[in-house]
Amino acid sequence: MKLSEQTISALGSVITGDGKRSPYRTGLQLVSFFNQFGSEDTYGNGFPSRWYYAEEKLREFNDMPTMKDILVSALDPRHFLGKELDINVAIEHLNQFLEFDNYELRPAGKKWEVYKLGRSQIELSHPYENSVEITHIFIDEQIKKCDKKLAEGDFDGAITNARSLVEAVLSAIEKEFDHNPPESDGNLPKLYKRVQKHLNLSPGQESLAECLRQILSGLTSIVSGLATLRNTMSDSHVISYKPLEHHARLAVNSAKTLCDFLFETKEYQMQKQEDNTTPSAAD
């Protein structure tokens, strides 16, 4: 994570507390703060100005993954407890500068997390949002984890969650059509084939236009690709290839697109079944 000089100065004032938007840190406290990230400094005679020390330490960690940890730690809400200072003021001030570096601090539970801006990302909603069923809760968790790990730069983890999301969605849909489905063996393509039959998504359907059959074949390729990608590039196995951001984003967005289509198709097929079994007024 690389910050501009202007953002470094703004963050430095938040860490030192000199801007009066955050609690004041003494020189000794500043040394302790930065030492938790790997520095081995000591406080004593000849110690530079607090603001200078803070900014120099930030430059030292700039363009390193540790910078995200420094940002999160600098805005730890516990540091504001018992102080007559509003953490939201400090966040708002810092976000004005972070935006120019394509980052933003956003709430995550009781803390704040760093998110990367300016990246295309598909939004996915699901029909199980108010459910307490374990699989449905798991789906919601995987969607959030995909977005969170992409934002944090955990591309291995994002791929793992993208694969888990697809498996959970397929399992949930299968249960709606088959209340006693086969026990899962982790074979994603096999699970997808079963769901294909429930949803009438076979690419070989003669009633479909050729272009739609090609798209359906592409969905099968996405499932197979996610299963393979997880084995070679995710954090669930020994990694044989380190994924880059655009690889992880492709995996997440493909998974979300597939899941969105499956939800839409499920609703269509279930409504179709209901219409076929509902007696007409003439019956």
Foldseek 3Di string as FASTA:
>chain_A
DAADLVLLLLLLCLQCCVVVQFDHDDQQRLVVLLVVLPDDDDDDPPDDDSSVVSSVSLVVCGPHLCNQVSVQVSLQVVRCPPHPHDSVVSQVSSQVRVVVVQWHWDDDPNTIGIFGHDDDADDFDAPCVPPPDPLSVLLVVLLVQLRRCLRSVQLQANLVSLLVNLVSLLVVLLCVVPVDDDDDPPPQLVSVVSLCVVLVLQLPDPVDDVVSSVVSVVLSVLSVVSSVCNAADHPPYDHPDDDDSVVSRVSNRSSRVSSRVSRVSSVVSVVVVVVVPDDDPVD
